[in-house]
Protein backbone atom coordinates (compact mmCIF):
# COMPACT_ATOMS: atom_id res chain seq x y z
CA MET A 1 15.39 21.28 -12.69
CA LYS A 2 15.00 24.65 -10.56
CA THR A 3 14.35 23.50 -6.49
CA THR A 4 14.69 26.59 -4.69
CA ARG A 5 10.84 26.74 -3.74
CA SER A 6 11.35 23.15 -2.70
CA GLY A 7 14.20 23.83 -0.88
CA LYS A 8 12.85 27.04 1.17
CA LEU A 9 10.00 25.30 2.07
CA PHE A 10 11.75 22.31 2.84
CA ARG A 11 14.63 23.66 5.22
CA ARG A 12 11.44 26.40 7.11
CA ALA A 13 9.89 22.52 7.37
CA ALA A 14 12.81 21.01 9.48
CA ARG A 15 12.66 23.84 11.84
CA VAL A 16 8.89 22.22 13.22
CA ILE A 17 8.43 19.08 11.63
CA PRO A 18 10.75 15.99 12.32
CA GLY A 19 13.12 15.74 9.99
CA GLY A 20 11.03 18.59 7.44
CA VAL A 21 8.70 15.70 6.79
CA ASN A 22 5.35 14.35 7.94
CA SER A 23 6.59 10.59 6.61
CA PRO A 24 9.77 9.19 6.38
CA VAL A 25 10.16 8.05 3.10
CA ARG A 26 9.14 11.71 1.60
CA ALA A 27 12.72 12.73 3.29
CA PHE A 28 14.57 11.27 -0.34
CA ARG A 29 17.05 9.37 2.02
CA SER A 30 17.66 6.62 0.28
CA VAL A 31 17.70 8.21 -2.89
CA GLY A 32 19.73 11.41 -1.92
CA GLY A 33 18.92 15.14 -2.35
CA GLU A 34 15.77 16.21 -0.60
CA PRO A 35 12.77 16.38 -1.02
CA LEU A 36 10.46 18.21 -3.70
CA PHE A 37 6.99 20.33 -2.46
CA ILE A 38 3.86 19.29 -4.07
CA ALA A 39 1.83 22.13 -4.93
CA ARG A 40 -0.91 20.60 -7.56
CA ALA A 41 -1.60 17.32 -9.02
CA ARG A 42 -4.11 16.02 -11.98
CA GLY A 43 -4.56 12.73 -13.83
CA ALA A 44 -1.05 11.14 -14.11
CA ARG A 45 1.32 14.14 -13.25
CA LEU A 46 2.38 16.58 -11.06
CA ARG A 47 3.93 19.97 -10.15
CA ASP A 48 5.87 20.63 -7.83
CA ALA A 49 6.48 24.44 -5.94
CA ASP A 50 8.82 25.44 -8.60
CA GLY A 51 6.53 25.09 -11.62
CA ASN A 52 8.07 21.50 -12.77
CA ASP A 53 6.29 19.19 -13.85
CA PHE A 54 6.56 15.44 -13.56
CA ILE A 55 4.82 11.97 -14.84
CA ASP A 56 3.74 10.43 -11.78
CA PHE A 57 4.26 6.77 -10.32
CA VAL A 58 3.83 7.81 -6.84
CA GLY A 59 -0.44 8.29 -6.51
CA SER A 60 -0.32 9.23 -3.01
CA TRP A 61 1.04 5.53 -2.91
CA GLY A 62 -1.64 3.50 -4.66
CA PRO A 63 -5.26 5.11 -4.54
CA MET A 64 -4.96 7.01 -7.27
CA LEU A 65 -5.78 4.81 -9.59
CA PHE A 66 -7.72 6.86 -12.17
CA GLY A 67 -5.02 9.65 -11.54
CA HIS A 68 -5.47 12.59 -9.50
CA ALA A 69 -8.33 14.97 -8.56
CA HIS A 70 -10.87 13.41 -11.71
CA PRO A 71 -13.08 15.44 -12.02
CA ARG A 72 -16.01 13.05 -10.62
CA MET A 73 -14.58 12.78 -7.27
CA VAL A 74 -13.79 16.18 -7.04
CA ALA A 75 -17.57 17.24 -7.72
CA ALA A 76 -19.16 14.55 -5.49
CA VAL A 77 -15.85 15.65 -2.97
CA ARG A 78 -17.31 19.50 -3.35
CA LYS A 79 -20.86 18.20 -2.46
CA ALA A 80 -21.00 16.62 0.18
CA LEU A 81 -18.68 20.30 1.66
CA ARG A 82 -21.41 22.01 1.18
CA SER A 83 -23.61 19.75 3.95
CA GLY A 84 -20.68 20.29 6.48
CA THR A 85 -17.42 18.17 6.43
CA SER A 86 -18.00 16.15 10.16
CA PHE A 87 -20.78 15.37 12.42
CA GLY A 88 -19.69 12.29 14.48
CA ALA A 89 -22.93 10.74 13.34
CA PRO A 90 -24.20 8.52 11.26
CA THR A 91 -24.28 9.57 7.97
CA GLY A 92 -26.60 7.14 4.94
CA ALA A 93 -23.54 7.72 3.00
CA GLU A 94 -21.15 5.40 5.41
CA THR A 95 -24.04 2.31 4.86
CA ARG A 96 -24.19 3.02 1.02
CA LEU A 97 -19.85 2.43 1.30
CA ALA A 98 -19.75 -0.08 3.63
CA GLU A 99 -22.07 -1.17 1.09
CA ALA A 100 -20.86 -1.73 -1.38
CA ILE A 101 -17.73 -2.97 0.11
CA VAL A 102 -19.06 -5.91 1.31
CA ALA A 103 -20.85 -6.83 -2.52
CA MET A 104 -17.48 -6.16 -4.25
CA VAL A 105 -14.83 -8.12 -1.63
CA PRO A 106 -15.20 -12.19 -1.51
CA SER A 107 -14.51 -12.69 2.22
CA VAL A 108 -16.61 -9.24 3.76
CA GLU A 109 -19.69 -9.41 5.30
CA SER A 110 -19.83 -6.84 7.75
CA VAL A 111 -17.44 -3.98 7.34
CA ARG A 112 -16.03 -0.46 9.90
CA LEU A 113 -14.88 2.25 8.50
CA VAL A 114 -12.01 3.24 10.57
CA ASN A 115 -9.60 6.87 9.35
CA SER A 116 -6.06 4.92 8.08
CA GLY A 117 -5.19 1.99 7.27
CA THR A 118 -2.74 1.70 10.47
CA GLU A 119 -5.47 2.04 12.42
CA ALA A 120 -7.32 -0.66 10.37
CA THR A 121 -4.41 -3.48 10.83
CA MET A 122 -4.30 -2.22 14.24
CA SER A 123 -7.99 -3.22 14.82
CA ALA A 124 -7.69 -5.93 13.60
CA ILE A 125 -4.89 -7.71 14.72
CA ARG A 126 -6.98 -6.65 18.65
CA LEU A 127 -10.08 -8.16 16.60
CA ALA A 128 -8.64 -11.23 16.39
CA ARG A 129 -6.77 -12.11 19.44
CA ALA A 130 -10.28 -11.39 21.11
CA PHE A 131 -11.96 -13.87 19.19
CA THR A 132 -9.07 -16.54 19.29
CA GLY A 133 -8.88 -16.47 22.86
CA ARG A 134 -4.79 -16.46 21.39
CA ASP A 135 -1.84 -13.63 21.96
CA LYS A 136 0.80 -14.30 19.59
CA ILE A 137 1.00 -12.82 15.93
CA ILE A 138 3.15 -14.06 12.96
CA LYS A 139 4.13 -11.51 10.54
CA PHE A 140 6.15 -11.68 7.74
CA ALA A 141 9.21 -9.97 7.28
CA GLY A 142 9.40 -6.53 4.94
CA CYS A 143 5.74 -6.77 4.75
CA TYR A 144 4.58 -3.39 6.82
CA HIS A 145 0.77 -3.13 7.87
CA GLY A 146 0.94 1.29 9.46
CA HIS A 147 3.33 1.90 12.53
CA ALA A 148 0.97 0.42 15.66
CA ASP A 149 3.43 -1.24 18.04
CA SER A 150 2.77 -5.12 16.84
CA PHE A 151 4.03 -4.50 13.30
CA LEU A 152 7.59 -2.14 14.02
CA ILE A 153 9.18 -5.73 13.98
CA ARG A 154 11.65 -5.90 11.44
CA ALA A 155 9.48 -4.31 9.66
CA GLY A 156 9.13 -3.14 5.43
CA SER A 157 8.41 0.44 3.70
CA GLY A 158 9.20 3.25 5.50
CA ALA A 159 11.64 1.45 8.46
CA LEU A 160 13.21 -0.58 6.09
CA THR A 161 14.51 2.58 4.46
CA LEU A 162 16.17 4.24 7.23
CA GLY A 163 17.51 1.35 8.54
CA ILE A 164 15.28 0.69 11.19
CA PRO A 165 14.13 -2.60 11.97
CA ASP A 166 12.85 -2.15 15.15
CA SER A 167 11.44 1.09 16.27
CA PRO A 168 12.99 2.37 19.49
CA GLY A 169 9.54 2.81 21.70
CA VAL A 170 7.82 -0.70 21.58
CA PRO A 171 7.73 -2.38 24.40
CA ARG A 172 9.56 -5.83 24.25
CA ASP A 173 7.28 -7.41 26.67
CA LEU A 174 4.58 -6.17 22.89
CA ALA A 175 7.36 -7.83 20.43
CA ARG A 176 7.51 -11.08 22.14
CA HIS A 177 3.71 -11.97 20.92
CA THR A 178 4.87 -10.95 17.55
CA LEU A 179 6.34 -13.71 15.84
CA THR A 180 7.82 -13.27 12.07
CA CYS A 181 8.27 -15.89 9.54
CA ARG A 182 9.70 -14.95 6.14
CA TYR A 183 6.71 -14.34 2.96
CA ASN A 184 7.32 -17.38 0.32
CA ASP A 185 7.69 -19.69 2.90
CA LEU A 186 5.30 -21.56 3.95
CA GLY A 187 7.22 -23.61 5.73
CA SER A 188 8.66 -21.08 8.12
CA VAL A 189 4.73 -20.45 8.96
CA ARG A 190 4.73 -23.81 9.43
CA ARG A 191 7.34 -24.29 11.79
CA ALA A 192 6.12 -21.15 13.95
CA ALA A 193 2.90 -22.70 13.85
CA ALA A 194 3.54 -25.95 15.34
CA GLY A 195 6.58 -24.18 17.48
CA HIS A 196 3.57 -22.00 19.10
CA ARG A 197 1.29 -24.31 18.99
CA GLY A 198 -2.59 -22.74 20.82
CA ARG A 199 -0.82 -19.91 21.16
CA ILE A 200 -1.16 -17.85 17.15
CA ALA A 201 -4.29 -15.58 17.07
CA ALA A 202 -3.94 -15.05 13.37
CA VAL A 203 -1.56 -14.42 10.56
CA ILE A 204 -0.82 -10.91 9.08
CA VAL A 205 0.07 -10.74 4.71
CA GLU A 206 0.06 -8.86 2.36
CA PRO A 207 -0.83 -10.80 0.13
CA VAL A 208 1.13 -8.62 -3.08
CA VAL A 209 4.13 -7.58 -1.32
CA GLY A 210 3.56 -3.18 -1.30
CA ASN A 211 6.11 -2.34 0.74
CA MET A 212 9.97 -4.18 -0.15
CA GLY A 213 8.92 -3.24 -3.58
CA CYS A 214 6.08 -5.12 -5.33
CA VAL A 215 6.90 -8.99 -4.62
CA PRO A 216 3.90 -11.29 -5.51
CA PRO A 217 3.21 -14.53 -4.43
CA GLU A 218 4.36 -17.62 -5.59
CA PRO A 219 2.11 -20.34 -6.72
CA GLY A 220 0.73 -22.06 -3.87
CA PHE A 221 1.80 -19.32 -1.02
CA LEU A 222 -1.85 -17.43 -0.29
CA ARG A 223 -3.98 -21.51 -0.68
CA GLY A 224 -0.96 -22.97 1.57
CA LEU A 225 -1.69 -20.00 4.48
CA ARG A 226 -5.56 -20.87 4.33
CA ARG A 227 -4.80 -24.40 4.87
CA LEU A 228 -1.83 -23.78 7.84
CA CYS A 229 -4.59 -20.92 9.81
CA ASP A 230 -7.47 -23.51 9.44
CA ARG A 231 -5.86 -26.43 10.72
CA HIS A 232 -3.78 -24.37 13.89
CA GLY A 233 -6.90 -22.37 14.23
CA MET A 234 -5.53 -19.41 13.32
CA LEU A 235 -7.88 -16.37 11.38
CA LEU A 236 -6.08 -15.39 7.88
CA ILE A 237 -5.86 -11.72 7.83
CA PHE A 238 -5.05 -10.03 4.34
CA ASP A 239 -3.79 -6.68 4.48
CA GLU A 240 -5.15 -4.77 1.62
CA VAL A 241 -4.46 -1.38 1.71
CA MET A 242 -2.44 -1.91 -1.51
CA THR A 243 -3.67 -4.65 -3.33
CA GLY A 244 -7.32 -3.97 -2.45
CA PHE A 245 -9.23 -2.44 -5.63
CA ARG A 246 -6.32 -2.31 -7.25
CA LEU A 247 -5.50 -5.78 -8.40
CA ALA A 248 -9.39 -6.59 -9.44
CA PRO A 249 -12.54 -5.37 -8.25
CA GLY A 250 -12.66 -8.01 -5.70
CA GLY A 251 -8.99 -7.30 -4.60
CA ALA A 252 -5.88 -9.80 -3.93
CA GLN A 253 -7.69 -12.33 -2.55
CA GLU A 254 -10.55 -11.94 -5.80
CA LYS A 255 -7.41 -12.29 -8.09
CA TYR A 256 -5.76 -15.62 -6.26
CA ARG A 257 -9.07 -16.99 -5.07
CA VAL A 258 -8.40 -16.98 -1.51
CA ARG A 259 -10.79 -15.89 1.60
CA PRO A 260 -8.90 -14.36 4.56
CA ASP A 261 -11.05 -13.52 7.71
CA LEU A 262 -10.34 -10.92 7.81
CA THR A 263 -9.35 -8.04 5.66
CA THR A 264 -7.99 -4.69 5.99
CA LEU A 265 -8.87 -1.33 3.79
CA GLY A 266 -6.79 1.93 3.29
CA LYS A 267 -7.11 5.95 1.60
CA ILE A 268 -8.31 4.15 -2.14
CA ILE A 269 -11.44 3.65 -0.63
CA GLY A 270 -11.96 7.40 0.01
CA GLY A 271 -10.28 8.29 -3.87
CA GLY A 272 -7.16 8.94 -1.73
CA LEU A 273 -8.85 11.48 1.12
CA PRO A 274 -8.20 9.32 5.23
CA VAL A 275 -10.19 6.70 5.43
CA GLY A 276 -9.55 3.10 5.78
CA ALA A 277 -11.59 0.21 6.73
CA TYR A 278 -11.26 -3.92 8.53
CA GLY A 279 -13.62 -6.77 7.50
CA GLY A 280 -14.77 -10.38 7.37
CA ARG A 281 -17.52 -12.54 8.61
CA LYS A 282 -19.91 -11.53 10.59
CA LYS A 283 -19.69 -13.93 13.58
CA ILE A 284 -16.12 -11.98 13.83
CA MET A 285 -17.08 -8.89 13.28
CA GLY A 286 -19.96 -9.28 15.44
CA MET A 287 -17.28 -8.45 18.34
CA VAL A 288 -17.07 -5.35 17.60
CA ALA A 289 -18.80 -2.49 19.59
CA PRO A 290 -21.07 -1.77 20.24
CA ALA A 291 -22.22 -5.22 18.98
CA GLY A 292 -19.82 -7.08 20.93
CA PRO A 293 -16.84 -6.60 23.69
CA VAL A 294 -13.59 -5.20 21.28
CA TYR A 295 -13.62 -2.14 21.82
CA GLN A 296 -12.60 0.20 18.88
CA ALA A 297 -14.09 4.52 17.95
CA GLY A 298 -13.48 7.70 15.96
CA THR A 299 -15.16 11.01 15.79
CA LEU A 300 -13.89 11.03 11.83
CA SER A 301 -14.56 7.51 11.24
CA GLY A 302 -16.54 7.12 8.06
CA ASN A 303 -16.24 10.96 7.68
CA PRO A 304 -18.34 12.15 5.16
CA LEU A 305 -15.54 14.17 2.07
CA ALA A 306 -14.18 10.47 2.66
CA VAL A 307 -16.83 8.64 2.37
CA ALA A 308 -18.85 11.25 -0.70
CA ALA A 309 -15.31 10.20 -2.81
CA GLY A 310 -15.11 6.52 -2.39
CA LEU A 311 -18.58 5.42 -3.62
CA GLU A 312 -17.97 7.86 -6.24
CA MET A 313 -13.91 5.64 -6.61
CA LEU A 314 -16.29 2.22 -6.16
CA ALA A 315 -19.23 3.57 -8.77
CA MET A 316 -16.20 4.27 -10.91
CA ILE A 317 -14.77 1.20 -10.87
CA ARG A 318 -18.26 -0.79 -11.11
CA GLU A 319 -18.63 1.56 -14.48
CA ARG A 320 -15.49 1.35 -16.09
CA GLN A 321 -15.27 -2.56 -18.40
CA GLY A 322 -12.17 -3.29 -18.75
CA LEU A 323 -10.30 -1.15 -16.37
CA TYR A 324 -8.20 -4.04 -14.94
CA ILE A 325 -7.15 -5.48 -18.28
CA ALA A 326 -6.19 -2.00 -19.46
CA LEU A 327 -3.92 -0.88 -16.65
CA GLU A 328 -2.66 -4.81 -16.95
CA HIS A 329 -1.62 -4.09 -20.60
CA ALA A 330 -0.28 -0.77 -19.42
CA GLY A 331 2.10 -2.45 -16.78
CA ARG A 332 3.42 -4.80 -19.55
CA ALA A 333 4.25 -2.34 -21.85
CA LEU A 334 5.74 0.09 -19.47
CA THR A 335 7.41 -2.95 -17.65
CA GLU A 336 8.91 -4.78 -21.06
CA GLY A 337 10.44 -1.47 -22.28
CA LEU A 338 11.45 -0.64 -18.89
CA SER A 339 13.70 -4.30 -19.01
CA GLU A 340 14.65 -3.79 -22.84
CA PRO A 341 17.32 -0.51 -22.29
CA LEU A 342 19.04 -2.27 -18.80
CA THR A 343 19.07 -5.50 -21.00
CA LYS A 344 21.23 -3.93 -23.27
CA LYS A 345 23.67 -2.15 -21.51
CA GLY A 346 24.25 -5.15 -19.36
CA ILE A 347 23.20 -3.99 -16.00
CA PRO A 348 21.84 -6.73 -13.31
CA HIS A 349 17.72 -6.27 -13.20
CA ARG A 350 14.57 -8.20 -11.88
CA ILE A 351 11.05 -6.07 -12.71
CA ASN A 352 8.22 -7.75 -10.25
CA ARG A 353 4.80 -6.59 -11.52
CA VAL A 354 1.45 -7.28 -11.07
CA GLY A 355 -1.64 -5.60 -12.55
CA SER A 356 -0.30 -2.11 -11.88
CA MET A 357 1.89 -2.27 -9.28
CA PHE A 358 5.68 -2.57 -10.10
CA THR A 359 8.94 -2.78 -8.75
CA LEU A 360 12.40 -2.44 -11.16
CA PHE A 361 15.32 -3.87 -8.78
CA PHE A 362 18.63 -3.36 -9.70
CA THR A 363 19.86 -7.70 -8.84
CA PRO A 364 21.11 -10.00 -10.52
CA ASP A 365 18.21 -12.15 -8.36
CA ARG A 366 14.58 -12.59 -8.43
CA VAL A 367 13.00 -11.25 -5.33
CA VAL A 368 11.26 -13.91 -3.49
CA ASP A 369 11.32 -11.85 0.29
CA PHE A 370 12.96 -9.76 2.67
CA GLU A 371 16.68 -11.11 2.11
CA SER A 372 16.68 -10.96 -2.05
CA ALA A 373 14.77 -7.59 -1.85
CA GLY A 374 17.84 -7.04 0.69
CA ARG A 375 20.15 -7.54 -1.74
CA ALA A 376 19.57 -5.09 -4.39
CA ASP A 377 21.83 -2.23 -5.19
CA THR A 378 20.77 0.87 -3.70
CA ALA A 379 22.53 3.31 -4.90
CA LEU A 380 22.88 2.83 -8.43
CA PHE A 381 18.73 2.81 -7.56
CA GLY A 382 19.18 5.91 -5.68
CA LYS A 383 21.78 7.90 -9.07
CA TYR A 384 18.53 6.17 -11.52
CA PHE A 385 16.14 8.18 -9.37
CA ARG A 386 17.54 11.62 -9.79
CA GLU A 387 18.80 10.87 -13.86
CA MET A 388 14.37 10.30 -13.97
CA LEU A 389 13.30 12.88 -11.49
CA ALA A 390 15.24 15.19 -13.91
CA ARG A 391 14.11 13.86 -16.84
CA GLY A 392 10.26 14.06 -15.16
CA VAL A 393 9.17 11.19 -14.31
CA TYR A 394 8.85 10.60 -10.50
CA LEU A 395 9.04 7.76 -9.14
CA PRO A 396 8.67 6.19 -5.09
CA PRO A 397 12.21 7.10 -3.69
CA SER A 398 13.36 3.79 -2.45
CA GLN A 399 14.22 0.66 -3.49
CA TYR A 400 11.84 -0.42 -1.17
CA GLU A 401 8.09 1.26 -2.35
CA ALA A 402 6.16 -0.91 -4.91
CA ALA A 403 5.42 1.72 -8.12
CA PHE A 404 1.60 2.51 -9.56
CA ILE A 405 0.39 3.14 -12.96
CA SER A 406 -3.38 4.31 -13.45
CA ALA A 407 -5.99 4.64 -15.78
CA ALA A 408 -4.40 7.66 -16.81
CA HIS A 409 -1.16 6.51 -17.63
CA THR A 410 -1.93 6.44 -21.47
CA ASP A 411 -0.07 5.09 -24.02
CA GLY A 412 1.37 8.22 -24.45
CA VAL A 413 2.15 8.55 -21.00
CA ILE A 414 4.20 5.76 -20.85
CA GLY A 415 6.16 6.14 -24.39
CA ARG A 416 7.14 9.70 -22.43
CA THR A 417 8.20 7.47 -19.54
CA LEU A 418 9.62 5.16 -21.58
CA ARG A 419 12.21 8.04 -23.39
CA ALA A 420 13.61 9.68 -20.29
CA HIS A 421 14.07 6.04 -18.99
CA ARG A 422 16.43 4.89 -21.93
CA SER A 423 18.01 8.47 -21.72
CA ALA A 424 18.25 8.12 -17.71
CA VAL A 425 20.74 4.69 -18.24
CA ALA A 426 22.35 6.19 -21.11
CA ARG A 427 24.37 7.99 -17.59
CA LEU A 428 23.95 4.73 -15.30
């Protein structure tokens, strides 16, 4: 596999961009080698600057539910583009997207569009603190909610990959307001709530974790969080930046039948374009300016190009009967096929999957939280990643990231992936 052009582009980027990338996990630091520079993508495939083709299981980290550059979304963006790129003023399309979100997400009665998942989670925390009059929040070790200061306390995802669980630049006075509990451990939440009674504004959680690899909730965990929040007057925030619309039309909260007080959403509501949202009960959302005193603003919020793509995305979800059944079928076929040759060769592994999200961990143990995820053999994963890349399969370049299947991953694509996998396992 030639990487001459990607190598040149990386060295050029390193002269003007920190580390040569605009998001740390892209740097391939945890899997070895240098990043590939992508030139184009369509359906389930990527092509890099050197002309190498790959089956893609990153999907721009989740939002490409129908694959890259779907013709309907491309057409919607082109149509919107003819009217302008940004107005900094209200549009009717923003309202239609908000109406679609409210109609599809069970807990959302009112929603504010923002520019990213990070902005959505940051705004939700500010709102929760204002609504409850409390300062502290609970998050979970290994969960990642963007790079706002309040969340970079034992964060997962890129921070975990780089071995920097607490980022420099986060003030200690702010960090002390973030309490870190163990995912899937209600006892740790119960102890934190009791020890800081009346001072915790919210519990924020990825209902299915995607940022220490795919880690599903244990039975009763999410319902237990709901009960604890009700008992202690804390708001429950579901960070559905990854799970929203991916696991069900109404996200993880529909799948697990647990309603949070606030929900954050990310780029899937823009078909992969830069956008985010936070929403919840009207009583809470009524505190957001200009309706209330909690300030949050953004010139590009509700950008017409992202909104156009998002409207098309949500319309396609509503129209396509059997979408999530097909994704479940593809996910099961893929992960069962991945496990078989590893088992035959005696390589310890665990595969966590929820619907179209999955992670292959090289560990004999169940992966249920940050600690158990950390016991995975990252060196072996790096070798496996490179073997798969050489065979035309592009996986997340970190053991601690979920992979994603799209509607474009047909039976034929899954079959080609499994043939590459069997060949790669033979080299491990």
